[in-house]
Protein backbone atom coordinates (compact mmCIF):
# COMPACT_ATOMS: atom_id res chain seq x y z
CA UNK A 1 -9.64 23.39 -4.93
CA UNK A 2 -7.43 22.07 -2.15
CA UNK A 3 -8.08 20.73 1.34
CA UNK A 4 -5.57 20.31 4.18
CA UNK A 5 -6.75 18.44 7.27
CA UNK A 6 -5.09 18.42 10.71
CA UNK A 7 -6.26 16.00 13.41
CA UNK A 8 -5.48 16.92 17.02
CA UNK A 9 -5.22 13.60 18.80
CA UNK A 10 -3.63 11.76 21.68
CA UNK A 11 -5.11 8.60 23.18
CA UNK A 12 -4.19 10.10 26.54
CA UNK A 13 -6.75 12.67 27.70
CA UNK A 14 -6.08 15.97 29.41
CA UNK A 15 -3.11 17.03 27.30
CA UNK A 16 -4.65 20.30 26.09
CA UNK A 17 -5.52 19.27 22.55
CA UNK A 18 -8.92 21.00 22.51
CA UNK A 19 -7.52 24.29 23.82
CA UNK A 20 -4.69 24.22 21.30
CA UNK A 21 -6.99 23.20 18.45
CA UNK A 22 -9.55 25.95 19.05
CA UNK A 23 -7.01 28.74 19.54
CA UNK A 24 -4.86 27.62 16.61
CA UNK A 25 -7.92 27.51 14.34
CA UNK A 26 -9.02 30.99 15.44
CA UNK A 27 -5.63 32.58 14.88
CA UNK A 28 -5.06 30.73 11.60
CA UNK A 29 -8.50 31.84 10.31
CA UNK A 30 -7.73 35.47 11.05
CA UNK A 31 -4.35 35.21 9.32
CA UNK A 32 -5.84 33.46 6.26
CA UNK A 33 -9.10 35.27 5.41
CA UNK A 34 -9.13 33.89 1.85
CA UNK A 35 -9.35 30.29 3.08
CA UNK A 36 -12.35 28.39 4.42
CA UNK A 37 -11.43 27.26 7.92
CA UNK A 38 -13.50 24.36 9.22
CA UNK A 39 -13.41 22.96 12.74
CA UNK A 40 -14.93 19.51 13.21
CA UNK A 41 -15.86 18.46 16.73
CA UNK A 42 -15.44 14.70 17.01
CA UNK A 43 -15.50 14.59 20.80
CA UNK A 44 -18.84 13.68 22.46
CA UNK A 45 -18.19 16.24 25.21
CA UNK A 46 -18.40 18.92 22.50
CA UNK A 47 -16.20 21.35 24.44
CA UNK A 48 -14.78 22.97 21.34
CA UNK A 49 -18.29 23.56 19.99
CA UNK A 50 -19.26 25.18 23.27
CA UNK A 51 -16.32 27.57 22.91
CA UNK A 52 -17.08 28.54 19.31
CA UNK A 53 -20.80 29.00 19.91
CA UNK A 54 -20.19 31.68 22.54
CA UNK A 55 -18.37 30.00 25.40
CA UNK A 56 -19.62 28.83 28.79
CA UNK A 57 -23.37 28.56 29.34
CA UNK A 58 -24.20 30.45 26.16
CA UNK A 59 -22.19 28.08 24.00
CA UNK A 60 -23.67 25.07 25.77
CA UNK A 61 -27.22 26.33 25.21
CA UNK A 62 -26.55 27.05 21.54
CA UNK A 63 -25.14 23.57 20.99
CA UNK A 64 -28.07 21.97 22.80
CA UNK A 65 -30.34 23.87 20.43
CA UNK A 66 -28.51 22.41 17.44
CA UNK A 67 -28.83 18.94 18.94
CA UNK A 68 -32.57 19.33 19.57
CA UNK A 69 -33.44 19.99 15.93
CA UNK A 70 -35.38 17.25 14.17
CA UNK A 71 -32.68 17.04 11.51
CA UNK A 72 -29.36 17.65 13.20
CA UNK A 73 -27.01 19.88 11.22
CA UNK A 74 -23.96 18.69 13.16
CA UNK A 75 -21.62 15.70 13.26
CA UNK A 76 -24.32 13.29 14.42
CA UNK A 77 -26.61 14.46 11.64
CA UNK A 78 -23.88 13.63 9.16
CA UNK A 79 -23.25 10.21 10.75
CA UNK A 80 -27.00 9.49 10.66
CA UNK A 81 -27.05 10.27 6.96
CA UNK A 82 -24.03 8.06 6.25
CA UNK A 83 -25.58 5.22 8.25
CA UNK A 84 -28.72 5.47 6.13
CA UNK A 85 -26.99 3.72 3.25
CA UNK A 86 -24.84 6.65 2.08
CA UNK A 87 -21.31 5.54 3.00
CA UNK A 88 -20.17 5.68 -0.63
CA UNK A 89 -21.39 9.21 -1.21
CA UNK A 90 -19.78 11.64 -3.61
CA UNK A 91 -21.91 14.60 -2.51
CA UNK A 92 -24.19 15.48 0.39
CA UNK A 93 -27.75 16.83 0.19
CA UNK A 94 -27.18 19.82 2.47
CA UNK A 95 -24.50 21.45 4.58
CA UNK A 96 -23.68 20.38 8.13
CA UNK A 97 -21.62 23.50 8.83
CA UNK A 98 -22.50 26.28 11.25
CA UNK A 99 -21.24 29.78 10.46
CA UNK A 100 -19.58 30.55 13.77
CA UNK A 101 -19.48 34.36 13.58
CA UNK A 102 -23.28 34.43 13.59
CA UNK A 103 -23.12 33.01 17.11
CA UNK A 104 -19.82 34.47 18.31
CA UNK A 105 -18.67 37.87 17.05
CA UNK A 106 -15.13 37.22 18.34
CA UNK A 107 -14.52 34.61 15.62
CA UNK A 108 -13.33 35.37 12.08
CA UNK A 109 -16.02 35.31 9.39
CA UNK A 110 -14.29 32.55 7.40
CA UNK A 111 -14.42 30.02 10.23
CA UNK A 112 -17.13 27.35 10.22
CA UNK A 113 -17.95 24.53 12.61
CA UNK A 114 -19.40 21.07 12.29
CA UNK A 115 -20.63 20.96 15.85
CA UNK A 116 -20.19 18.11 18.27
CA UNK A 117 -23.02 16.11 19.78
CA UNK A 118 -23.25 14.12 23.00
CA UNK A 119 -25.06 11.36 21.08
CA UNK A 120 -21.96 10.62 19.02
CA UNK A 121 -20.71 7.97 21.44
CA UNK A 122 -24.08 6.22 21.25
CA UNK A 123 -23.62 5.83 17.49
CA UNK A 124 -20.37 3.88 17.92
CA UNK A 125 -22.08 0.49 17.93
CA UNK A 126 -24.07 1.28 14.81
CA UNK A 127 -20.96 2.58 13.06
CA UNK A 128 -18.98 -0.52 14.02
CA UNK A 129 -21.68 -2.83 12.65
CA UNK A 130 -21.92 -0.77 9.46
CA UNK A 131 -18.19 -1.08 8.76
CA UNK A 132 -18.50 -4.88 8.94
CA UNK A 133 -21.25 -5.07 6.31
CA UNK A 134 -20.89 -8.49 4.60
CA UNK A 135 -22.83 -7.14 1.63
CA UNK A 136 -20.25 -4.41 1.01
CA UNK A 137 -16.61 -5.46 1.25
CA UNK A 138 -15.57 -1.81 0.89
CA UNK A 139 -17.70 -0.61 3.82
CA UNK A 140 -14.81 -0.08 6.25
CA UNK A 141 -12.82 1.95 3.73
CA UNK A 142 -15.89 4.02 2.84
CA UNK A 143 -16.56 4.90 6.46
CA UNK A 144 -13.03 5.77 7.51
CA UNK A 145 -12.60 8.11 4.54
CA UNK A 146 -16.03 9.76 4.93
CA UNK A 147 -14.79 12.82 6.84
CA UNK A 148 -12.45 13.84 4.02
CA UNK A 149 -15.24 13.49 1.48
CA UNK A 150 -17.49 15.54 3.77
CA UNK A 151 -14.87 18.31 3.90
CA UNK A 152 -14.44 18.34 0.14
CA UNK A 153 -18.20 18.44 -0.39
CA UNK A 154 -18.57 21.34 2.04
CA UNK A 155 -15.80 23.28 0.30
CA UNK A 156 -17.49 22.75 -3.07
CA UNK A 157 -20.62 24.50 -1.74
CA UNK A 158 -18.71 27.71 -1.08
CA UNK A 159 -16.84 30.31 -3.10
CA UNK A 160 -13.55 29.46 -1.38
CA UNK A 161 -10.78 27.74 -3.33
CA UNK A 162 -8.82 26.47 -0.33
CA UNK A 163 -9.80 24.89 2.95
CA UNK A 164 -7.91 24.06 6.13
CA UNK A 165 -9.64 21.71 8.56
CA UNK A 166 -8.96 21.31 12.29
CA UNK A 167 -10.41 18.14 13.85
CA UNK A 168 -10.70 17.87 17.62
CA UNK A 169 -10.56 14.12 18.25
CA UNK A 170 -11.74 12.08 21.20
CA UNK A 171 -8.98 10.25 23.12
CA UNK A 172 -10.67 6.88 22.49
CA UNK A 173 -9.68 4.95 19.37
CA UNK A 174 -13.33 4.50 18.43
CA UNK A 175 -14.53 4.16 14.86
CA UNK A 176 -15.32 7.87 14.57
CA UNK A 177 -11.78 8.67 15.72
CA UNK A 178 -10.49 6.33 13.03
CA UNK A 179 -12.65 8.23 10.53
CA UNK A 180 -10.95 11.46 11.56
CA UNK A 181 -7.43 10.10 11.43
CA UNK A 182 -7.66 8.30 8.08
CA UNK A 183 -9.24 11.39 6.55
CA UNK A 184 -6.45 13.67 7.81
CA UNK A 185 -3.21 14.71 6.16
CA UNK A 186 -1.39 15.40 9.42
CA UNK A 187 -1.74 14.58 13.09
CA UNK A 188 -0.83 16.96 15.92
CA UNK A 189 -0.07 15.04 19.14
CA UNK A 190 -0.05 17.31 22.21
CA UNK A 191 1.91 15.87 25.14
CA UNK A 192 2.44 16.78 28.78
CA UNK A 193 5.26 16.36 31.26
CA UNK A 194 4.32 12.88 32.40
CA UNK A 195 5.12 9.34 31.42
CA UNK A 196 1.51 8.75 30.39
CA UNK A 197 2.19 11.02 27.43
CA UNK A 198 5.15 8.85 26.44
CA UNK A 199 2.91 5.78 26.66
CA UNK A 200 0.34 7.63 24.59
CA UNK A 201 2.84 8.15 21.79
CA UNK A 202 3.86 4.50 21.96
CA UNK A 203 0.19 3.60 21.69
CA UNK A 204 -0.24 5.79 18.61
CA UNK A 205 2.80 4.20 16.96
CA UNK A 206 1.23 0.77 17.50
CA UNK A 207 -2.41 1.59 16.77
CA UNK A 208 -1.89 3.73 13.69
CA UNK A 209 1.40 2.70 12.20
CA UNK A 210 1.94 -0.88 13.35
CA UNK A 211 5.22 -0.02 15.10
CA UNK A 212 5.49 -2.51 17.96
CA UNK A 213 7.92 -2.18 20.90
CA UNK A 214 8.95 -5.85 20.84
CA UNK A 215 8.91 -8.93 18.66
CA UNK A 216 6.50 -10.54 21.13
CA UNK A 217 4.01 -7.70 20.66
CA UNK A 218 4.38 -7.92 16.89
CA UNK A 219 3.90 -11.69 16.92
CA UNK A 220 0.71 -11.26 18.91
CA UNK A 221 -0.56 -8.55 16.56
CA UNK A 222 0.14 -10.77 13.55
CA UNK A 223 -2.56 -13.15 14.77
CA UNK A 224 -5.41 -10.64 14.85
CA UNK A 225 -7.03 -8.10 12.56
CA UNK A 226 -5.68 -4.68 13.48
CA UNK A 227 -6.39 -1.16 12.32
CA UNK A 228 -3.02 -0.99 10.57
CA UNK A 229 -3.72 -4.25 8.69
CA UNK A 230 -6.99 -2.81 7.48
CA UNK A 231 -5.16 0.28 6.27
CA UNK A 232 -2.78 -1.93 4.31
CA UNK A 233 -5.59 -4.16 3.00
CA UNK A 234 -7.37 -1.16 1.49
CA UNK A 235 -4.17 0.70 0.58
CA UNK A 236 -5.25 3.82 2.46
CA UNK A 237 -2.96 6.67 3.50
CA UNK A 238 -2.33 7.56 7.12
CA UNK A 239 -1.76 11.04 8.53
CA UNK A 240 1.84 12.11 8.96
CA UNK A 241 2.97 13.22 12.41
CA UNK A 242 3.21 16.99 12.13
CA UNK A 243 4.02 18.25 15.61
CA UNK A 244 4.31 17.20 19.25
CA UNK A 245 3.40 20.37 21.19
CA UNK A 246 4.67 20.12 24.76
CA UNK A 247 2.01 21.41 27.14
CA UNK A 248 2.36 22.46 30.81
CA UNK A 249 5.69 24.13 30.16
CA UNK A 250 6.64 26.55 32.94
CA UNK A 251 9.38 29.07 33.61
CA UNK A 252 9.76 28.01 37.26
CA UNK A 253 13.30 26.65 37.32
CA UNK A 254 12.78 23.65 39.57
CA UNK A 255 9.61 22.50 37.86
CA UNK A 256 10.97 23.35 34.42
CA UNK A 257 13.96 21.06 35.00
CA UNK A 258 11.67 18.18 35.89
CA UNK A 259 9.52 18.90 32.83
CA UNK A 260 12.60 19.09 30.62
CA UNK A 261 13.74 15.67 31.82
CA UNK A 262 10.48 14.02 30.75
CA UNK A 263 10.34 16.06 27.56
CA UNK A 264 13.81 14.75 26.70
CA UNK A 265 12.59 11.16 27.07
CA UNK A 266 9.59 11.83 24.84
CA UNK A 267 11.85 13.54 22.32
CA UNK A 268 14.37 10.69 22.30
CA UNK A 269 11.67 8.08 21.75
CA UNK A 270 10.07 10.05 18.89
CA UNK A 271 13.49 10.71 17.34
CA UNK A 272 14.18 6.96 17.38
CA UNK A 273 10.87 6.39 15.61
CA UNK A 274 11.84 8.97 13.01
CA UNK A 275 15.18 7.30 12.44
CA UNK A 276 13.50 3.90 12.03
CA UNK A 277 10.84 5.18 9.61
CA UNK A 278 10.79 8.86 8.61
CA UNK A 279 7.80 8.23 6.32
CA UNK A 280 5.55 8.29 9.40
CA UNK A 281 6.41 11.97 9.91
CA UNK A 282 5.70 15.06 7.83
CA UNK A 283 7.91 15.39 4.80
CA UNK A 284 10.94 17.64 5.23
CA UNK A 285 13.06 19.37 2.63
CA UNK A 286 16.06 19.16 4.96
CA UNK A 287 16.62 15.93 6.88
CA UNK A 288 17.56 16.28 10.60
CA UNK A 289 20.78 14.53 11.57
CA UNK A 290 20.46 14.72 15.35
CA UNK A 291 17.83 14.53 18.08
CA UNK A 292 18.22 18.27 18.66
CA UNK A 293 17.61 19.12 15.00
CA UNK A 294 14.60 16.81 14.96
CA UNK A 295 13.21 18.38 18.13
CA UNK A 296 13.56 21.90 16.74
CA UNK A 297 11.31 20.85 13.85
CA UNK A 298 8.76 18.53 15.42
CA UNK A 299 8.41 19.71 19.04
CA UNK A 300 7.23 23.04 20.39
CA UNK A 301 6.29 24.50 23.76
CA UNK A 302 2.74 25.48 24.59
CA UNK A 303 2.73 27.16 27.98
CA UNK A 304 -0.35 26.72 30.17
CA UNK A 305 -2.97 29.44 29.60
CA UNK A 306 -3.94 29.40 33.30
CA UNK A 307 -6.48 32.16 34.15
CA UNK A 308 -6.48 33.51 30.61
CA UNK A 309 -7.57 30.09 29.36
CA UNK A 310 -10.51 30.01 31.77
CA UNK A 311 -11.63 33.47 30.68
CA UNK A 312 -11.18 32.56 27.02
CA UNK A 313 -13.24 29.34 27.20
CA UNK A 314 -15.96 30.87 29.40
CA UNK A 315 -16.53 33.85 27.11
CA UNK A 316 -15.71 32.30 23.74
CA UNK A 317 -12.85 34.74 23.15
CA UNK A 318 -9.75 33.40 21.36
CA UNK A 319 -6.50 33.79 23.26
CA UNK A 320 -5.01 36.12 20.64
CA UNK A 321 -7.90 38.58 21.19
CA UNK A 322 -7.58 38.80 24.96
CA UNK A 323 -5.00 41.66 24.83
CA UNK A 324 -7.83 44.01 23.80
CA UNK A 325 -8.71 44.34 27.49
CA UNK A 326 -7.21 43.51 30.87
CA UNK A 327 -10.50 43.09 32.78
CA UNK A 328 -13.26 40.69 31.77
CA UNK A 329 -16.69 39.96 33.24
CA UNK A 330 -17.40 36.25 33.62
CA UNK A 331 -20.90 34.81 32.97
CA UNK A 332 -21.76 34.97 36.70
CA UNK A 333 -20.80 38.65 36.88
CA UNK A 334 -17.39 38.16 38.47
CA UNK A 335 -14.75 40.55 37.16
CA UNK A 336 -11.36 38.99 36.40
CA UNK A 337 -8.10 40.85 35.81
CA UNK A 338 -5.68 39.19 33.41
CA UNK A 339 -2.60 41.34 32.78
CA UNK A 340 -1.13 40.76 29.34
CA UNK A 341 2.20 39.78 30.85
CA UNK A 342 0.54 36.76 32.47
CA UNK A 343 -0.12 35.05 29.16
CA UNK A 344 2.33 36.70 26.79
CA UNK A 345 4.50 33.60 26.64
CA UNK A 346 1.45 31.42 25.99
CA UNK A 347 0.43 33.66 23.11
CA UNK A 348 3.97 33.68 21.71
CA UNK A 349 3.97 29.87 21.72
CA UNK A 350 0.58 29.78 20.02
CA UNK A 351 1.77 32.12 17.29
CA UNK A 352 4.90 30.03 16.76
CA UNK A 353 2.80 26.89 16.40
CA UNK A 354 0.36 28.45 13.95
CA UNK A 355 3.24 29.77 11.83
CA UNK A 356 4.17 26.15 11.08
CA UNK A 357 0.76 25.21 9.66
């Protein structure tokens, strides 16, 4: 049995990580019917769960129903169980997965969801205290690796031999985000055409990998207990940077030139990080020798989905299935026309991204 885990994360919000994560998972599941595809919603807003459970109001209602059960079979239910003295588990008493196709016929039968829960943020304090348990010096390591063990336990319950996991992370670097990242093999960092995205990448390099922009910053970090020091103390692996999808890409020449300028700065910074320490990035059989070669491997365009994205999220229909029709009825009865040409480039970019997984 084998498990591959991808975390979609950027500590800057609004970069399109949830949209990319949900559509990539849907397309990948359809292309790999022999694999168990699991999506884990680690964002308290639970937007990706809402999409998978039917989209819009229907998906919201279905997720509220899951949250209202006495024993939650979602991410908070799992966290509750771990907090009840089970951080060192090797198996779990029951499954926390939801079979998505039972709620949303547009989703492949091999895709499952560990649904999000608005109460997740409220558990942060309890999780933080639990990781500092003076009676268990391994508590922090047990908690931050719990998501991987959950995935492996879920796979063992099924008849599948292989599993690919997509984790939609919250922008905050909370303890449950740390649990997702340490448990992952790779991290996908969506970025946009703004300098906040560049700062977000710099933040990830510091938070995760201990790569500081100056000696002064490093000297300061040396005086305190950081996430990266904990990783080293427990000799835990970190996810490798897999891809930096560039969102908000447009064909409009004037705007595209402005976007390209900022994208070039993001690319140059990330290329410098690769040159300084390639071990932070996904392993390559052929080593890039220039910024352009590096960019061709590690950066991709993800054009805005615009109207098609709104229709997709409202109705729970993956982007790659929208070409079945050109007119869709929204939950309030409004009919929306979305010609295929309007999102063809977006779909092409999505397919290119998924082909790399």
